[in-house]
């Protein structure tokens, strides 16, 4: 019975209509009691309180239904209780028996130290497939899931249903380690995954996150074993950092991401006063036609058909990337800028990324390469000639 309730979908039209009917019914009972002015007073107060709470819940579910952030009751409970997964320790690599907690994969929190980025200590959410425990001598590919803004790592495991997607992929013999790193200092922060004047998020990924993941887990430490993926601002992050560091990741999954940096405070707030060079270096729309000496990449572009501004930008860049010799898959699906688009897009794009072996593998990027600063490698692959 508990599992049935926990898995009850709360973003469906049927659930929302039922909630509206119950709420309206409660308010009608309140109105009836007020007209008759009969019965015990506390009965009316209790009815009014219940009707008010139901109204708040109904409005909240209307918003939640639009964004599809908390798909079922268990997600709502997790968000309210704020019960994080257990910390990942070295002992996980000694687990070889698929006991019940690991039979369907398992979610952990991985502490990420500051290795010189200035970001500070952070936490990444890590999902390990059952094959990680069943096949202790096999290294697995890693998908880095970048969250949007506002956002945080756990968004991928609520609205994005990344754990459920990982289970489906594992059942199809496509196991992948999922890592959702913290790419902003707080929920409302919007550093755009770049090395800006206040935060060095790109360096944080290169020096802190990837080396820690490769050191703590059994990962494929090659560019073909790494996938950069993201939704919304995280989609821009995946595309920008993937193109700038194609020696580290061979595949990019951009779900509803812009092709230029956006920031509420403008580019001066993000990069400082003299920002023209930094903006150009972090605008795939600008530099995609000037990539040189870049190894072949696979790029999946996806967004909702009603997300028109993003769709226009992805349409524009897809042709440019194909001319550069990239393998580009472009898709749109019914919906807007919400998780109802990103959940199925994640499943489809990862199935494609893990099933397709082209382009050919490239030389392994060493740990020193992973930990180096961002701009030197980016400048080497972007021609200075005007487009």
Protein backbone atom coordinates (compact mmCIF):
# COMPACT_ATOMS: atom_id res chain seq x y z
CA UNK A 1 0.00 0.00 0.00
CA UNK A 2 2.83 2.41 0.87
CA UNK A 3 4.54 1.83 -2.48
CA UNK A 4 1.27 2.51 -4.32
CA UNK A 5 0.86 5.86 -2.57
CA UNK A 6 4.56 6.77 -2.91
CA UNK A 7 4.45 6.17 -6.67
CA UNK A 8 1.18 8.06 -7.16
CA UNK A 9 1.68 10.64 -9.90
CA UNK A 10 0.84 14.16 -8.73
CA UNK A 11 1.48 16.03 -11.98
CA UNK A 12 -1.13 14.29 -14.10
CA UNK A 13 -4.28 16.02 -15.37
CA UNK A 14 -6.45 13.37 -13.69
CA UNK A 15 -4.86 13.96 -10.28
CA UNK A 16 -5.17 17.74 -10.62
CA UNK A 17 -8.84 17.55 -11.63
CA UNK A 18 -9.56 15.28 -8.66
CA UNK A 19 -7.79 17.71 -6.34
CA UNK A 20 -9.83 20.62 -7.74
CA UNK A 21 -13.10 18.72 -7.25
CA UNK A 22 -12.27 17.91 -3.62
CA UNK A 23 -11.21 21.52 -2.96
CA UNK A 24 -14.37 22.99 -4.48
CA UNK A 25 -16.44 20.48 -2.52
CA UNK A 26 -14.82 21.56 0.75
CA UNK A 27 -15.49 25.23 0.03
CA UNK A 28 -19.13 24.44 -0.79
CA UNK A 29 -19.47 22.73 2.60
CA UNK A 30 -17.93 25.79 4.26
CA UNK A 31 -20.36 28.07 2.42
CA UNK A 32 -23.31 25.88 3.39
CA UNK A 33 -22.34 25.98 7.05
CA UNK A 34 -21.96 29.77 6.94
CA UNK A 35 -25.44 30.18 5.41
CA UNK A 36 -27.13 27.89 7.92
CA UNK A 37 -25.04 29.09 10.87
CA UNK A 38 -25.81 25.76 12.53
CA UNK A 39 -23.74 23.17 14.29
CA UNK A 40 -20.71 23.60 16.47
CA UNK A 41 -18.47 26.61 15.61
CA UNK A 42 -15.28 24.59 15.65
CA UNK A 43 -16.66 22.34 12.92
CA UNK A 44 -16.86 25.34 10.58
CA UNK A 45 -13.38 26.51 11.55
CA UNK A 46 -11.97 23.05 10.87
CA UNK A 47 -13.71 22.88 7.49
CA UNK A 48 -12.43 26.36 6.54
CA UNK A 49 -8.89 25.45 7.59
CA UNK A 50 -9.00 22.23 5.57
CA UNK A 51 -10.41 24.00 2.53
CA UNK A 52 -7.71 26.67 2.74
CA UNK A 53 -4.95 24.06 2.95
CA UNK A 54 -6.44 22.17 0.01
CA UNK A 55 -6.52 25.42 -1.99
CA UNK A 56 -2.83 26.04 -1.29
CA UNK A 57 -2.00 22.45 -2.25
CA UNK A 58 -4.05 22.78 -5.45
CA UNK A 59 -2.27 25.98 -6.50
CA UNK A 60 1.11 24.40 -5.69
CA UNK A 61 0.23 21.34 -7.75
CA UNK A 62 -0.85 23.55 -10.68
CA UNK A 63 2.62 25.12 -10.67
CA UNK A 64 4.24 21.72 -10.15
CA UNK A 65 2.21 20.23 -13.00
CA UNK A 66 3.49 22.92 -15.36
CA UNK A 67 7.15 22.45 -14.47
CA UNK A 68 6.79 18.72 -13.63
CA UNK A 69 9.46 19.04 -10.94
CA UNK A 70 8.04 16.56 -8.38
CA UNK A 71 6.42 13.77 -10.44
CA UNK A 72 5.06 11.60 -7.62
CA UNK A 73 4.28 11.51 -3.90
CA UNK A 74 7.71 10.11 -2.94
CA UNK A 75 9.39 13.11 -4.62
CA UNK A 76 7.15 15.50 -2.67
CA UNK A 77 8.00 13.74 0.61
CA UNK A 78 11.73 13.79 -0.19
CA UNK A 79 11.58 17.51 -0.96
CA UNK A 80 9.71 18.30 2.27
CA UNK A 81 11.80 16.06 4.52
CA UNK A 82 15.09 16.93 2.77
CA UNK A 83 16.58 13.50 3.36
CA UNK A 84 19.84 13.37 1.36
CA UNK A 85 21.40 10.08 0.23
CA UNK A 86 24.20 8.58 2.29
CA UNK A 87 27.79 9.74 1.68
CA UNK A 88 29.79 7.72 -0.81
CA UNK A 89 32.92 6.17 0.69
CA UNK A 90 35.70 3.97 -0.67
CA UNK A 91 33.84 0.94 0.71
CA UNK A 92 31.38 1.13 -2.19
CA UNK A 93 34.10 -0.24 -4.49
CA UNK A 94 34.32 -3.39 -2.34
CA UNK A 95 30.60 -4.19 -2.65
CA UNK A 96 30.26 -7.18 -4.97
CA UNK A 97 26.97 -8.78 -3.88
CA UNK A 98 23.86 -7.13 -5.36
CA UNK A 99 21.91 -6.91 -2.11
CA UNK A 100 18.46 -5.34 -2.18
CA UNK A 101 19.70 -1.71 -1.83
CA UNK A 102 21.92 -2.11 -4.92
CA UNK A 103 19.82 -4.44 -7.07
CA UNK A 104 18.25 -1.47 -8.84
CA UNK A 105 21.14 0.96 -8.50
CA UNK A 106 21.86 3.29 -5.63
CA UNK A 107 22.12 7.03 -4.99
CA UNK A 108 24.98 8.58 -3.00
CA UNK A 109 26.44 11.96 -2.14
CA UNK A 110 30.10 12.36 -3.10
CA UNK A 111 32.14 15.04 -1.26
CA UNK A 112 34.07 17.17 -3.75
CA UNK A 113 37.18 18.91 -2.33
CA UNK A 114 38.46 22.26 -3.53
CA UNK A 115 41.64 21.45 -5.47
CA UNK A 116 42.46 25.08 -6.20
CA UNK A 117 39.37 26.33 -8.00
CA UNK A 118 38.29 28.57 -5.13
CA UNK A 119 34.77 27.09 -5.27
CA UNK A 120 35.06 25.49 -1.83
CA UNK A 121 33.94 22.05 -0.74
CA UNK A 122 30.76 20.82 -2.39
CA UNK A 123 28.63 17.72 -2.85
CA UNK A 124 27.79 15.84 -6.03
CA UNK A 125 24.86 13.45 -6.30
CA UNK A 126 26.03 10.13 -7.76
CA UNK A 127 23.86 7.29 -9.02
CA UNK A 128 25.55 3.91 -9.51
CA UNK A 129 23.88 1.24 -11.69
CA UNK A 130 23.48 -2.35 -10.43
CA UNK A 131 26.28 -3.46 -12.79
CA UNK A 132 28.70 -1.36 -10.75
CA UNK A 133 28.21 -3.78 -7.86
CA UNK A 134 27.69 -6.92 -9.92
CA UNK A 135 30.80 -6.47 -12.11
CA UNK A 136 33.51 -5.07 -9.80
CA UNK A 137 36.28 -5.26 -12.41
CA UNK A 138 34.46 -3.30 -15.11
CA UNK A 139 34.94 0.45 -15.60
CA UNK A 140 31.78 2.32 -16.61
CA UNK A 141 31.12 5.50 -18.60
CA UNK A 142 30.07 8.65 -16.74
CA UNK A 143 27.42 11.20 -17.62
CA UNK A 144 27.87 14.57 -15.92
CA UNK A 145 24.43 16.11 -15.37
CA UNK A 146 24.51 19.90 -15.09
CA UNK A 147 21.54 21.54 -13.38
CA UNK A 148 19.74 24.70 -14.46
CA UNK A 149 19.34 28.04 -12.74
CA UNK A 150 17.79 28.36 -10.28
CA UNK A 151 18.72 24.83 -9.42
CA UNK A 152 20.79 22.27 -7.56
CA UNK A 153 22.15 18.75 -8.20
CA UNK A 154 19.15 16.92 -6.78
CA UNK A 155 16.90 18.47 -9.44
CA UNK A 156 18.03 15.75 -11.82
CA UNK A 157 16.76 13.08 -9.43
CA UNK A 158 13.39 14.73 -8.78
CA UNK A 159 12.12 16.48 -11.90
CA UNK A 160 14.67 14.83 -14.18
CA UNK A 161 14.01 11.28 -12.90
CA UNK A 162 17.66 10.46 -13.60
CA UNK A 163 17.66 7.47 -11.24
CA UNK A 164 14.67 5.93 -13.01
CA UNK A 165 16.32 6.56 -16.37
CA UNK A 166 19.50 4.91 -15.10
CA UNK A 167 17.51 1.84 -14.07
CA UNK A 168 15.90 1.58 -17.51
CA UNK A 169 19.27 1.91 -19.23
CA UNK A 170 20.83 -0.69 -16.94
CA UNK A 171 18.01 -3.09 -17.79
CA UNK A 172 18.83 -2.53 -21.48
CA UNK A 173 22.50 -3.41 -20.75
CA UNK A 174 23.57 0.23 -21.09
CA UNK A 175 24.88 0.95 -17.57
CA UNK A 176 26.19 4.43 -16.86
CA UNK A 177 27.38 6.28 -13.76
CA UNK A 178 25.39 9.48 -13.26
CA UNK A 179 27.10 12.42 -11.56
CA UNK A 180 25.19 15.65 -10.83
CA UNK A 181 27.79 18.13 -9.50
CA UNK A 182 27.08 21.39 -7.74
CA UNK A 183 27.62 24.06 -10.41
CA UNK A 184 26.60 27.12 -8.39
CA UNK A 185 27.15 28.32 -4.83
CA UNK A 186 23.43 28.36 -4.02
CA UNK A 187 20.02 27.66 -5.51
CA UNK A 188 19.44 31.16 -6.92
CA UNK A 189 22.99 31.70 -8.15
CA UNK A 190 23.51 31.88 -11.93
CA UNK A 191 27.23 31.61 -12.76
CA UNK A 192 26.54 30.10 -16.21
CA UNK A 193 29.21 27.38 -15.67
CA UNK A 194 31.94 29.81 -16.75
CA UNK A 195 35.01 31.31 -15.14
CA UNK A 196 33.46 34.66 -14.29
CA UNK A 197 34.67 37.50 -12.13
CA UNK A 198 33.11 36.07 -8.95
CA UNK A 199 33.14 32.28 -9.45
CA UNK A 200 35.35 29.88 -11.43
CA UNK A 201 32.81 27.17 -12.26
CA UNK A 202 34.60 25.87 -15.34
CA UNK A 203 37.78 25.41 -13.32
CA UNK A 204 35.73 23.80 -10.54
CA UNK A 205 34.55 21.12 -12.97
CA UNK A 206 38.02 20.50 -14.41
CA UNK A 207 40.09 20.59 -11.22
CA UNK A 208 37.66 19.47 -8.55
CA UNK A 209 34.82 17.39 -9.93
CA UNK A 210 36.17 15.20 -12.74
CA UNK A 211 39.45 14.24 -10.99
CA UNK A 212 37.56 13.37 -7.79
CA UNK A 213 35.04 11.22 -9.66
CA UNK A 214 37.80 9.39 -11.54
CA UNK A 215 39.76 8.88 -8.33
CA UNK A 216 36.84 7.62 -6.22
CA UNK A 217 34.94 5.52 -8.76
CA UNK A 218 35.62 2.89 -11.42
CA UNK A 219 35.17 5.11 -14.45
CA UNK A 220 36.17 4.95 -18.09
CA UNK A 221 38.88 7.61 -18.02
CA UNK A 222 38.75 8.42 -21.72
CA UNK A 223 36.99 11.15 -23.65
CA UNK A 224 34.63 8.53 -25.11
CA UNK A 225 33.79 7.47 -21.56
CA UNK A 226 32.56 10.94 -20.56
CA UNK A 227 29.27 12.58 -21.50
CA UNK A 228 28.39 16.19 -20.67
CA UNK A 229 24.62 16.68 -20.32
CA UNK A 230 22.40 19.43 -19.00
CA UNK A 231 19.00 21.08 -19.14
CA UNK A 232 18.23 24.78 -19.54
CA UNK A 233 21.26 26.71 -18.24
CA UNK A 234 22.88 23.31 -17.71
CA UNK A 235 22.30 22.53 -21.39
CA UNK A 236 24.24 25.66 -22.35
CA UNK A 237 26.88 24.54 -19.85
CA UNK A 238 27.18 21.08 -21.46
CA UNK A 239 27.44 22.51 -24.97
CA UNK A 240 29.92 25.27 -24.11
CA UNK A 241 32.21 23.18 -21.91
CA UNK A 242 31.93 20.16 -24.19
CA UNK A 243 33.04 22.11 -27.26
CA UNK A 244 35.76 23.93 -25.34
CA UNK A 245 37.10 20.68 -23.85
CA UNK A 246 36.44 18.10 -26.52
CA UNK A 247 39.64 16.31 -25.45
CA UNK A 248 37.84 15.40 -22.20
CA UNK A 249 34.32 14.46 -23.38
CA UNK A 250 33.24 13.03 -26.72
CA UNK A 251 29.48 13.48 -26.31
CA UNK A 252 27.28 16.46 -25.44
CA UNK A 253 23.57 16.30 -24.63
CA UNK A 254 22.08 19.80 -24.71
CA UNK A 255 18.47 19.83 -23.49
CA UNK A 256 16.87 23.25 -24.00
CA UNK A 257 20.11 25.16 -23.54
CA UNK A 258 20.86 28.51 -25.13
CA UNK A 259 23.91 28.89 -27.34
CA UNK A 260 25.08 32.13 -25.68
CA UNK A 261 25.55 33.00 -21.99
CA UNK A 262 22.62 34.64 -20.25
CA UNK A 263 22.69 36.33 -16.87
CA UNK A 264 20.12 38.37 -14.97
CA UNK A 265 22.71 41.05 -14.21
CA UNK A 266 24.11 41.15 -17.74
CA UNK A 267 27.54 40.28 -19.06
CA UNK A 268 29.26 42.98 -16.98
CA UNK A 269 27.97 41.35 -13.82
CA UNK A 270 29.11 37.94 -15.06
CA UNK A 271 32.53 38.71 -16.58
CA UNK A 272 33.41 42.25 -15.49
CA UNK A 273 33.78 45.46 -17.46
CA UNK A 274 36.04 44.36 -20.33
CA UNK A 275 33.98 41.30 -21.18
CA UNK A 276 33.94 41.13 -24.99
CA UNK A 277 36.63 38.43 -25.24
CA UNK A 278 35.18 36.33 -22.43
CA UNK A 279 31.67 36.51 -23.89
CA UNK A 280 32.96 35.45 -27.32
CA UNK A 281 34.97 32.56 -25.85
CA UNK A 282 31.86 31.30 -24.07
CA UNK A 283 29.34 31.73 -26.90
CA UNK A 284 29.05 28.54 -28.98
CA UNK A 285 26.91 30.50 -31.44
CA UNK A 286 29.94 32.70 -32.11
CA UNK A 287 32.86 30.29 -32.04
CA UNK A 288 31.27 27.08 -33.40
CA UNK A 289 32.25 28.03 -36.95
CA UNK A 290 35.86 28.63 -35.88
CA UNK A 291 36.70 25.38 -34.12
CA UNK A 292 40.05 24.00 -35.29
CA UNK A 293 41.98 20.83 -34.45
CA UNK A 294 38.97 19.57 -32.50
CA UNK A 295 38.40 15.80 -32.29
CA UNK A 296 35.04 14.57 -33.62
CA UNK A 297 32.11 14.81 -31.26
CA UNK A 298 28.56 13.54 -30.96
CA UNK A 299 26.03 16.22 -30.05
CA UNK A 300 22.35 15.77 -29.20
CA UNK A 301 20.22 18.95 -29.30
CA UNK A 302 16.71 18.69 -27.86
CA UNK A 303 13.97 21.03 -26.64
CA UNK A 304 10.22 21.52 -26.47
CA UNK A 305 8.45 22.58 -29.65
CA UNK A 306 6.87 25.51 -27.77
CA UNK A 307 10.24 26.67 -26.40
CA UNK A 308 10.66 28.89 -29.44
CA UNK A 309 13.61 31.08 -28.47
CA UNK A 310 15.77 28.09 -27.57
CA UNK A 311 14.56 26.18 -30.62
CA UNK A 312 15.67 29.00 -32.92
CA UNK A 313 19.15 29.04 -31.40
CA UNK A 314 19.53 25.26 -31.60
CA UNK A 315 18.34 25.26 -35.22
CA UNK A 316 20.94 27.87 -36.07
CA UNK A 317 23.89 26.10 -34.47
CA UNK A 318 23.08 22.56 -35.59
CA UNK A 319 23.98 23.28 -39.22
CA UNK A 320 27.22 24.97 -38.20
CA UNK A 321 28.27 22.01 -36.08
CA UNK A 322 27.52 19.56 -38.88
CA UNK A 323 29.76 21.58 -41.19
CA UNK A 324 32.51 21.17 -38.58
CA UNK A 325 32.24 17.40 -39.00
CA UNK A 326 30.28 16.76 -35.79
CA UNK A 327 27.68 14.01 -35.55
CA UNK A 328 24.57 16.02 -34.63
CA UNK A 329 21.15 14.69 -33.64
CA UNK A 330 18.44 17.35 -33.28
CA UNK A 331 15.02 16.68 -31.80
CA UNK A 332 12.00 18.58 -30.54
CA UNK A 333 9.05 17.17 -28.65
CA UNK A 334 5.72 18.57 -27.42
CA UNK A 335 6.14 20.87 -24.45
CA UNK A 336 7.83 23.99 -23.21
CA UNK A 337 10.79 24.72 -20.93
CA UNK A 338 10.02 22.06 -18.32
CA UNK A 339 10.86 18.62 -16.98
CA UNK A 340 8.05 17.07 -19.01
CA UNK A 341 10.41 17.62 -21.95
CA UNK A 342 13.72 16.90 -20.20
CA UNK A 343 12.77 13.54 -18.65
CA UNK A 344 12.07 11.74 -21.95
CA UNK A 345 14.86 13.70 -23.66
CA UNK A 346 17.38 12.40 -21.12
CA UNK A 347 16.31 8.80 -21.72
CA UNK A 348 16.35 9.14 -25.52
CA UNK A 349 19.65 11.01 -25.67
CA UNK A 350 21.48 8.66 -23.31
CA UNK A 351 20.21 5.60 -25.17
CA UNK A 352 21.64 7.14 -28.35
CA UNK A 353 24.89 8.18 -26.67
CA UNK A 354 25.56 4.81 -25.05
CA UNK A 355 24.49 2.73 -28.07
CA UNK A 356 26.31 4.61 -30.83
CA UNK A 357 30.05 4.02 -31.07
CA UNK A 358 30.83 6.75 -33.64
CA UNK A 359 32.93 8.82 -33.89
CA UNK A 360 36.07 6.78 -33.35
CA UNK A 361 37.69 6.89 -29.93
CA UNK A 362 40.45 9.37 -29.29
CA UNK A 363 43.54 9.17 -27.07
CA UNK A 364 42.95 9.09 -23.35
CA UNK A 365 43.08 12.44 -21.54
CA UNK A 366 45.46 12.17 -18.61
CA UNK A 367 44.61 13.35 -15.11
CA UNK A 368 46.97 16.29 -15.64
CA UNK A 369 44.97 17.30 -18.70
CA UNK A 370 41.74 17.05 -16.76
CA UNK A 371 43.05 19.28 -14.01
CA UNK A 372 44.50 22.02 -16.20
CA UNK A 373 42.94 25.46 -16.49
CA UNK A 374 40.20 26.04 -19.03
CA UNK A 375 41.31 28.89 -21.25
CA UNK A 376 44.59 27.47 -22.59
CA UNK A 377 42.88 24.42 -24.04
CA UNK A 378 39.94 26.42 -25.34
CA UNK A 379 42.13 28.99 -27.09
CA UNK A 380 44.06 26.21 -28.84
CA UNK A 381 40.93 24.95 -30.58
CA UNK A 382 39.19 28.22 -31.45
CA UNK A 383 40.61 30.13 -34.35
CA UNK A 384 41.14 33.84 -33.81
CA UNK A 385 40.02 34.60 -37.36
CA UNK A 386 36.73 36.38 -37.77
CA UNK A 387 33.82 34.10 -38.62
